Protein backbone atom coordinates (compact mmCIF):
# COMPACT_ATOMS: atom_id res chain seq x y z
CA UNK A 1 -13.92 61.38 67.93
CA UNK A 2 -17.42 61.52 66.41
CA UNK A 3 -18.24 65.02 67.65
CA UNK A 4 -14.99 66.45 66.28
CA UNK A 5 -15.73 64.86 62.90
CA UNK A 6 -19.24 66.34 62.92
CA UNK A 7 -17.83 69.78 63.78
CA UNK A 8 -15.40 69.53 60.85
CA UNK A 9 -18.34 68.68 58.61
CA UNK A 10 -20.27 71.68 59.94
CA UNK A 11 -17.33 74.01 59.23
CA UNK A 12 -17.04 72.67 55.69
CA UNK A 13 -20.81 73.03 55.21
CA UNK A 14 -20.48 76.65 56.36
CA UNK A 15 -17.96 77.42 53.64
CA UNK A 16 -19.94 75.58 50.94
CA UNK A 17 -23.00 77.65 51.78
CA UNK A 18 -21.06 80.92 52.06
CA UNK A 19 -19.13 80.33 48.85
CA UNK A 20 -22.32 79.54 46.96
CA UNK A 21 -24.05 82.63 48.34
CA UNK A 22 -21.10 84.74 47.22
CA UNK A 23 -21.37 83.28 43.72
CA UNK A 24 -25.13 83.84 43.60
CA UNK A 25 -26.26 86.56 41.18
CA UNK A 26 -28.72 87.92 43.73
CA UNK A 27 -26.44 88.09 46.77
CA UNK A 28 -22.92 87.82 45.35
CA UNK A 29 -19.92 89.87 46.45
CA UNK A 30 -21.73 93.21 46.15
CA UNK A 31 -24.24 92.64 48.96
CA UNK A 32 -23.94 92.31 52.72
CA UNK A 33 -25.17 88.97 53.99
CA UNK A 34 -25.41 86.90 57.15
CA UNK A 35 -26.67 83.41 57.89
CA UNK A 36 -26.48 80.83 60.66
CA UNK A 37 -24.84 77.53 59.68
CA UNK A 38 -25.73 76.19 63.13
CA UNK A 39 -29.45 76.86 62.63
CA UNK A 40 -29.47 75.31 59.16
CA UNK A 41 -27.51 72.29 60.43
CA UNK A 42 -30.02 71.71 63.23
CA UNK A 43 -33.01 71.92 60.88
CA UNK A 44 -31.46 69.58 58.31
CA UNK A 45 -30.50 67.07 61.01
CA UNK A 46 -34.05 67.03 62.35
CA UNK A 47 -35.33 66.65 58.79
CA UNK A 48 -33.01 63.67 58.27
CA UNK A 49 -34.43 61.97 61.37
CA UNK A 50 -37.86 61.97 59.73
CA UNK A 51 -36.75 61.00 56.24
CA UNK A 52 -36.40 57.52 54.77
CA UNK A 53 -34.67 55.70 51.95
CA UNK A 54 -32.66 57.62 49.37
CA UNK A 55 -33.85 60.98 50.68
CA UNK A 56 -32.46 60.31 54.16
CA UNK A 57 -29.21 59.01 52.70
CA UNK A 58 -28.78 62.15 50.61
CA UNK A 59 -29.42 64.50 53.55
CA UNK A 60 -26.92 62.60 55.70
CA UNK A 61 -24.32 62.66 52.91
CA UNK A 62 -24.91 66.40 52.46
CA UNK A 63 -24.24 67.02 56.16
CA UNK A 64 -20.88 65.24 55.83
CA UNK A 65 -18.98 61.98 56.21
CA UNK A 66 -19.18 61.90 60.02
CA UNK A 67 -22.54 60.17 59.56
CA UNK A 68 -26.10 60.46 60.83
CA UNK A 69 -25.39 59.43 64.43
CA UNK A 70 -22.57 61.96 64.83
CA UNK A 71 -24.60 64.84 63.41
CA UNK A 72 -27.64 63.92 65.47
CA UNK A 73 -25.49 63.80 68.60
CA UNK A 74 -24.01 67.21 67.79
CA UNK A 75 -27.43 68.78 67.18
CA UNK A 76 -28.78 67.10 70.30
CA UNK A 77 -25.95 68.44 72.45
CA UNK A 78 -26.59 72.02 71.40
CA UNK A 79 -30.38 71.62 71.69
CA UNK A 80 -30.18 70.03 75.14
CA UNK A 81 -28.29 72.99 76.55
CA UNK A 82 -31.08 75.39 75.55
CA UNK A 83 -29.40 78.47 77.00
CA UNK A 84 -25.75 77.89 76.24
CA UNK A 85 -24.42 80.49 78.65
CA UNK A 86 -26.69 82.66 80.80
CA UNK A 87 -29.58 85.03 80.44
CA UNK A 88 -28.70 88.73 80.44
CA UNK A 89 -31.76 89.37 82.65
CA UNK A 90 -30.02 87.48 85.44
CA UNK A 91 -27.41 90.26 85.71
CA UNK A 92 -24.77 88.11 84.04
CA UNK A 93 -22.24 89.50 81.57
CA UNK A 94 -21.61 86.14 79.88
CA UNK A 95 -22.88 85.64 76.34
CA UNK A 96 -26.58 84.90 76.18
CA UNK A 97 -27.19 82.15 73.62
CA UNK A 98 -30.60 80.56 73.21
CA UNK A 99 -31.45 77.74 70.85
CA UNK A 100 -34.92 76.23 70.46
CA UNK A 101 -36.70 73.78 68.17
CA UNK A 102 -40.34 73.08 67.51
CA UNK A 103 -42.58 71.02 65.23
CA UNK A 104 -46.05 71.98 64.06
CA UNK A 105 -48.26 69.34 62.44
CA UNK A 106 -51.62 69.76 60.74
CA UNK A 107 -54.49 67.97 62.50
CA UNK A 108 -55.21 65.96 59.36
CA UNK A 109 -51.74 64.35 59.49
CA UNK A 110 -50.40 61.81 61.95
CA UNK A 111 -46.80 61.99 63.15
CA UNK A 112 -44.90 58.74 63.38
CA UNK A 113 -44.63 58.12 67.16
CA UNK A 114 -40.92 57.29 66.76
CA UNK A 115 -40.26 60.67 65.10
CA UNK A 116 -42.30 62.53 67.72
CA UNK A 117 -40.27 60.82 70.45
CA UNK A 118 -36.97 61.65 68.71
CA UNK A 119 -37.99 65.28 68.18
CA UNK A 120 -38.86 65.66 71.86
CA UNK A 121 -36.12 63.60 73.51
CA UNK A 122 -33.16 64.18 71.20
CA UNK A 123 -33.83 67.65 69.73
CA UNK A 124 -35.88 69.03 72.66
CA UNK A 125 -38.49 70.12 70.12
CA UNK A 126 -41.97 70.91 71.33
CA UNK A 127 -44.60 69.25 69.10
CA UNK A 128 -47.63 71.43 68.48
CA UNK A 129 -50.85 71.15 66.50
CA UNK A 130 -51.27 73.61 63.63
CA UNK A 131 -54.69 75.23 63.40
CA UNK A 132 -56.21 76.91 60.39
CA UNK A 133 -53.70 78.50 57.94
CA UNK A 134 -53.93 82.06 59.29
CA UNK A 135 -53.71 80.96 62.93
CA UNK A 136 -50.79 78.61 62.19
CA UNK A 137 -48.88 81.34 60.38
CA UNK A 138 -49.44 83.80 63.24
CA UNK A 139 -48.41 81.24 65.88
CA UNK A 140 -45.21 80.24 64.08
CA UNK A 141 -44.23 83.86 63.43
CA UNK A 142 -44.89 84.75 67.08
CA UNK A 143 -42.80 81.78 68.25
CA UNK A 144 -39.81 82.95 66.22
CA UNK A 145 -40.19 86.53 67.40
CA UNK A 146 -40.39 85.54 71.08
CA UNK A 147 -37.44 83.15 70.81
CA UNK A 148 -35.16 85.71 69.10
CA UNK A 149 -35.90 88.94 70.92
CA UNK A 150 -38.04 90.15 68.03
CA UNK A 151 -35.22 90.05 65.47
CA UNK A 152 -36.70 87.18 63.44
CA UNK A 153 -40.23 88.19 62.58
CA UNK A 154 -42.74 87.39 59.87
CA UNK A 155 -40.56 84.54 58.63
CA UNK A 156 -43.70 83.05 57.10
CA UNK A 157 -44.78 85.89 54.85
CA UNK A 158 -46.36 86.14 51.43
CA UNK A 159 -42.98 86.55 49.76
CA UNK A 160 -39.46 85.75 50.87
CA UNK A 161 -36.87 88.10 49.36
CA UNK A 162 -38.46 87.59 45.91
CA UNK A 163 -36.70 84.22 45.78
CA UNK A 164 -39.76 82.02 45.45
CA UNK A 165 -39.16 80.04 42.28
CA UNK A 166 -42.52 78.36 42.09
CA UNK A 167 -41.48 75.30 44.07
CA UNK A 168 -44.05 76.04 46.77
CA UNK A 169 -41.73 78.11 48.97
CA UNK A 170 -41.93 81.74 49.91
CA UNK A 171 -44.43 81.23 52.72
CA UNK A 172 -47.45 80.66 50.47
CA UNK A 173 -50.74 79.22 51.59
CA UNK A 174 -50.47 76.80 54.49
CA UNK A 175 -52.26 73.53 53.71
CA UNK A 176 -51.86 70.11 55.31
CA UNK A 177 -48.27 70.54 56.40
CA UNK A 178 -45.59 69.78 58.94
CA UNK A 179 -43.28 72.62 59.96
CA UNK A 180 -39.84 72.01 61.48
CA UNK A 181 -38.37 75.09 63.14
CA UNK A 182 -35.08 76.14 64.72
CA UNK A 183 -34.37 79.49 66.34
CA UNK A 184 -31.08 80.91 67.56
CA UNK A 185 -30.39 84.06 69.60
CA UNK A 186 -26.94 85.46 70.49
CA UNK A 187 -26.14 88.51 72.63
CA UNK A 188 -22.58 89.07 73.85
CA UNK A 189 -20.30 91.86 75.05
CA UNK A 190 -16.77 92.28 73.73
CA UNK A 191 -14.09 91.20 76.18
CA UNK A 192 -12.52 94.61 75.47
CA UNK A 193 -15.26 96.99 74.32
CA UNK A 194 -14.73 100.03 72.15
CA UNK A 195 -15.27 103.52 73.54
CA UNK A 196 -18.15 105.28 71.75
CA UNK A 197 -16.44 108.69 71.95
CA UNK A 198 -13.59 107.30 69.81
CA UNK A 199 -15.97 106.21 67.04
CA UNK A 200 -15.66 108.52 64.04
CA UNK A 201 -16.57 108.53 60.38
CA UNK A 202 -14.13 107.42 57.73
CA UNK A 203 -14.01 106.12 54.19
CA UNK A 204 -15.00 102.52 53.51
CA UNK A 205 -13.86 101.40 50.08
CA UNK A 206 -16.80 99.43 48.68
CA UNK A 207 -15.13 99.06 45.28
CA UNK A 208 -12.23 100.72 43.40
CA UNK A 209 -14.49 103.59 42.32
CA UNK A 210 -16.98 103.71 45.21
CA UNK A 211 -16.30 104.99 48.74
CA UNK A 212 -18.85 105.58 51.50
CA UNK A 213 -18.57 107.40 54.83
CA UNK A 214 -19.29 105.07 57.75
CA UNK A 215 -18.73 105.10 61.54
CA UNK A 216 -15.57 103.21 62.52
CA UNK A 217 -14.96 101.87 66.02
CA UNK A 218 -11.38 102.73 66.96
CA UNK A 219 -9.02 100.79 69.18
CA UNK A 220 -7.90 102.20 72.53
CA UNK A 221 -5.32 101.26 75.14
CA UNK A 222 -7.42 98.13 75.75
CA UNK A 223 -6.60 96.96 72.23
CA UNK A 224 -2.82 97.51 72.28
CA UNK A 225 -2.33 93.75 71.91
CA UNK A 226 -4.79 91.62 69.94
CA UNK A 227 -5.02 88.20 68.32
CA UNK A 228 -4.08 88.94 64.71
CA UNK A 229 -2.86 86.34 62.22
CA UNK A 230 -1.00 87.58 59.16
CA UNK A 231 -1.10 85.34 56.08
CA UNK A 232 -0.29 85.70 52.39
CA UNK A 233 -3.03 87.87 50.95
CA UNK A 234 -5.10 88.40 54.11
CA UNK A 235 -5.08 89.05 57.87
CA UNK A 236 -7.40 87.61 60.53
CA UNK A 237 -8.51 89.40 63.70
CA UNK A 238 -10.05 87.44 66.57
CA UNK A 239 -12.15 89.43 69.02
CA UNK A 240 -13.24 87.49 72.09
CA UNK A 241 -16.58 87.94 73.80
CA UNK A 242 -16.67 88.40 77.56
CA UNK A 243 -17.08 85.40 79.85
CA UNK A 244 -17.49 85.68 83.59
CA UNK A 245 -16.30 82.32 84.84
CA UNK A 246 -18.33 79.33 85.97
CA UNK A 247 -21.68 80.91 85.11
CA UNK A 248 -20.76 80.71 81.44
CA UNK A 249 -20.20 76.97 81.54
CA UNK A 250 -17.68 75.56 79.09
CA UNK A 251 -18.59 77.89 76.19
CA UNK A 252 -16.44 80.66 74.77
CA UNK A 253 -17.29 82.75 71.73
CA UNK A 254 -15.28 84.91 69.36
CA UNK A 255 -15.74 86.84 66.14
CA UNK A 256 -13.16 86.29 63.41
CA UNK A 257 -12.78 88.99 60.76
CA UNK A 258 -10.99 87.90 57.58
CA UNK A 259 -9.66 91.00 55.81
CA UNK A 260 -8.05 90.66 52.37
CA UNK A 261 -4.95 92.77 51.68
CA UNK A 262 -6.40 94.04 48.42
CA UNK A 263 -9.48 96.23 48.49
CA UNK A 264 -11.05 94.04 45.79
CA UNK A 265 -9.69 90.80 47.24
CA UNK A 266 -12.88 89.42 48.81
CA UNK A 267 -13.76 86.97 45.98
CA UNK A 268 -10.26 85.47 45.99
CA UNK A 269 -10.25 85.20 49.79
CA UNK A 270 -13.63 83.43 49.72
CA UNK A 271 -12.30 80.96 47.14
CA UNK A 272 -9.22 80.30 49.27
CA UNK A 273 -11.28 79.58 52.37
CA UNK A 274 -13.73 77.39 50.46
CA UNK A 275 -10.87 75.32 49.02
CA UNK A 276 -9.63 74.27 52.46
CA UNK A 277 -11.94 75.37 55.30
CA UNK A 278 -10.34 72.96 57.77
CA UNK A 279 -7.04 74.81 57.34
CA UNK A 280 -8.35 78.37 57.44
CA UNK A 281 -11.34 78.22 59.82
CA UNK A 282 -9.64 77.13 63.00
CA UNK A 283 -8.41 78.70 66.21
CA UNK A 284 -4.74 78.44 65.22
CA UNK A 285 -5.34 80.81 62.29
CA UNK A 286 -4.24 83.47 64.79
CA UNK A 287 -1.05 83.16 66.91
CA UNK A 288 -1.08 81.84 70.44
CA UNK A 289 0.42 85.11 71.69
CA UNK A 290 -1.32 88.47 70.99
CA UNK A 291 0.63 90.86 68.78
CA UNK A 292 1.12 94.60 69.19
CA UNK A 293 -1.54 96.50 67.27
CA UNK A 294 -0.97 99.96 65.85
CA UNK A 295 -4.15 101.25 64.22
CA UNK A 296 -7.35 99.28 64.79
CA UNK A 297 -10.54 100.31 63.00
CA UNK A 298 -13.69 98.20 62.61
CA UNK A 299 -16.88 99.56 61.06
CA UNK A 300 -20.12 99.33 62.96
CA UNK A 301 -22.47 97.23 60.88
CA UNK A 302 -25.88 95.62 60.76
CA UNK A 303 -26.43 92.77 58.33
CA UNK A 304 -29.52 90.72 57.59
CA UNK A 305 -30.70 88.08 55.15
CA UNK A 306 -34.10 86.55 54.46
CA UNK A 307 -34.02 83.80 51.89
CA UNK A 308 -35.92 80.79 50.62
CA UNK A 309 -32.99 78.37 50.90
CA UNK A 310 -34.28 75.33 49.02
CA UNK A 311 -32.87 76.58 45.70
CA UNK A 312 -29.46 77.10 47.31
CA UNK A 313 -29.47 73.56 48.72
CA UNK A 314 -30.66 72.03 45.45
CA UNK A 315 -27.85 73.77 43.58
CA UNK A 316 -25.40 72.26 46.08
CA UNK A 317 -26.72 68.77 45.36
CA UNK A 318 -29.41 68.29 48.02
CA UNK A 319 -32.48 67.83 45.84
CA UNK A 320 -34.38 64.70 46.88
CA UNK A 321 -36.13 66.24 49.94
CA UNK A 322 -37.68 68.86 47.64
CA UNK A 323 -38.88 66.42 44.95
CA UNK A 324 -42.26 64.70 45.30
CA UNK A 325 -41.59 60.96 45.25
CA UNK A 326 -43.67 57.82 45.26
CA UNK A 327 -41.48 56.02 47.82
CA UNK A 328 -42.74 57.83 50.94
CA UNK A 329 -39.54 59.84 51.53
CA UNK A 330 -40.86 61.03 54.90
CA UNK A 331 -42.45 57.85 56.21
CA UNK A 332 -40.12 58.19 59.19
CA UNK A 333 -41.99 61.37 60.09
CA UNK A 334 -45.58 60.69 59.05
CA UNK A 335 -47.87 57.70 59.24
CA UNK A 336 -49.60 57.21 55.88
CA UNK A 337 -48.00 60.32 54.31
CA UNK A 338 -49.86 61.84 51.36
CA UNK A 339 -48.63 60.80 47.92
CA UNK A 340 -45.68 62.88 46.78
CA UNK A 341 -44.82 64.33 50.20
CA UNK A 342 -41.84 66.69 49.92
CA UNK A 343 -40.25 69.76 51.50
CA UNK A 344 -42.01 72.65 49.78
CA UNK A 345 -39.86 75.40 51.29
CA UNK A 346 -36.93 75.97 53.64
CA UNK A 347 -36.94 79.54 54.89
CA UNK A 348 -33.95 81.13 56.63
CA UNK A 349 -33.74 84.55 58.25
CA UNK A 350 -30.68 86.04 59.98
CA UNK A 351 -29.73 89.32 61.65
CA UNK A 352 -26.31 90.47 63.00
CA UNK A 353 -25.57 93.83 64.65
CA UNK A 354 -22.02 94.81 65.68
CA UNK A 355 -21.35 97.93 67.76
CA UNK A 356 -19.00 99.26 70.44
CA UNK A 357 -20.43 97.06 73.20
CA UNK A 358 -20.59 93.75 71.37
CA UNK A 359 -22.86 91.75 69.08
CA UNK A 360 -26.54 90.84 68.88
CA UNK A 361 -27.45 88.15 66.35
CA UNK A 362 -30.47 85.99 65.67
CA UNK A 363 -31.53 83.40 63.14
CA UNK A 364 -34.51 81.26 62.28
CA UNK A 365 -34.97 78.30 59.96
CA UNK A 366 -38.32 76.74 59.15
CA UNK A 367 -38.95 73.90 56.75
CA UNK A 368 -42.40 73.08 55.45
CA UNK A 369 -43.07 69.46 54.52
CA UNK A 370 -46.14 68.84 52.46
CA UNK A 371 -48.04 66.12 49.94
CA UNK A 372 1.05 81.93 60.77
CA UNK A 373 2.26 84.11 63.68
CA UNK A 374 4.28 87.43 63.57
CA UNK A 375 7.32 88.30 65.78
CA UNK A 376 6.42 89.84 69.13
CA UNK A 377 8.10 93.15 68.31
CA UNK A 378 6.28 93.72 65.04
CA UNK A 379 3.34 96.11 65.10
CA UNK A 380 0.33 95.14 63.00
CA UNK A 381 -2.39 97.49 61.78
CA UNK A 382 -5.89 96.10 61.23
CA UNK A 383 -8.02 98.63 59.38
CA UNK A 384 -11.18 97.00 58.02
CA UNK A 385 -11.96 99.76 55.53
CA UNK A 386 -12.87 97.47 52.63
CA UNK A 387 -15.04 94.33 52.19
CA UNK A 388 -14.39 91.48 54.64
CA UNK A 389 -15.79 88.17 55.90
CA UNK A 390 -16.83 87.47 59.48
CA UNK A 391 -17.54 84.32 61.51
CA UNK A 392 -18.88 83.95 65.05
CA UNK A 393 -17.40 80.75 66.44
CA UNK A 394 -17.88 78.76 69.63
CA UNK A 395 -14.23 78.38 70.57
CA UNK A 396 -14.31 75.14 72.55
CA UNK A 397 -16.10 73.02 69.95
CA UNK A 398 -15.17 75.03 66.84
CA UNK A 399 -18.80 75.28 65.66
CA UNK A 400 -19.60 78.20 63.37
CA UNK A 401 -22.69 79.91 64.80
CA UNK A 402 -23.02 82.82 62.34
CA UNK A 403 -21.17 83.76 59.15
CA UNK A 404 -21.35 86.50 56.57
CA UNK A 405 -19.68 89.33 54.68
CA UNK A 406 -19.69 93.12 54.86
CA UNK A 407 -19.21 94.95 51.57
CA UNK A 408 -20.92 98.22 52.55
CA UNK A 409 -21.63 98.96 56.25
CA UNK A 410 -24.33 101.48 55.26
CA UNK A 411 -26.51 98.71 53.82
CA UNK A 412 -28.68 96.73 56.27
């Protein structure tokens, strides 16, 4: 089935991005990080719909072998839902998940009518006119803030995490440009919340010679049986988010925490997952029947990342969209595009907060285009007191919505 193939591609893209971020000198395995594969996938798919020739072919190949139609259909399905569950303001306890897309175009440029129609009808993207540079920056920043509950703000700033490498990224001066934007907001309660009065400080082992004191959420009688998969070298805990029935539609969400056995085992675990994401990032990684849990401790954490992502994508082999070319790489998007039109920056910002009640997460992506189960009677402890990976997954489709790592819960 095309959608299943596209989801498999999205899972593999998640691990390629995560693995590369872990290998990066700036972020690496000594820094907390979070990003949204779903937001990046949506932005790249929209970009592909406006690209042409070799550039379009490379973007489609980067997304995965399911092909352009399958990835467009997947992005369209998520975009068309808008609010994937229900709004918390309606008194509903289901997860609140909002996804939105928008396109801003400078008045001196003309969008290809076919692209404008695709953006509106397939991606549900509002097409807007960009004013002068300062006004455009303010409008785009305000759009992201309003769409994400204020958690993604100032995404277009003068510098982005000091990662601007001179390629035109980093939110520099806005000239005659097209901006493609995707926002994502997630707010969900745990199916079985933690009691705040049981939260207490404990040691988190950042590295063999570095411990920090952090607040740990502790399991209660509600967590006597949990979905825990035990595998050679690591365990996986699945924590479901609350759904209230029909109001939540056909969506279910869960957080998966991948905890290596060894305190310094995060790099090896990341390599293992990257080598075969289809085998390790799936619902059956935990047993069908919950297992008895002895001690359960999860640190409260808040993780964020703000990055100019074009360098990351170029290092993974997606370079043509960022290289000025003479063959009108974005003629599918613009009529009479300026010579050497290219993506000058792809900015990504993400925020994830985990506490006793549940999880709040948000992400924004904006691209600028210019010229093994255990026996039932065995008790399993799950004490996340050293670095671990986490993934927020939509359970029905298998899409990875957010991903990241926690190496020190005290760092934001």
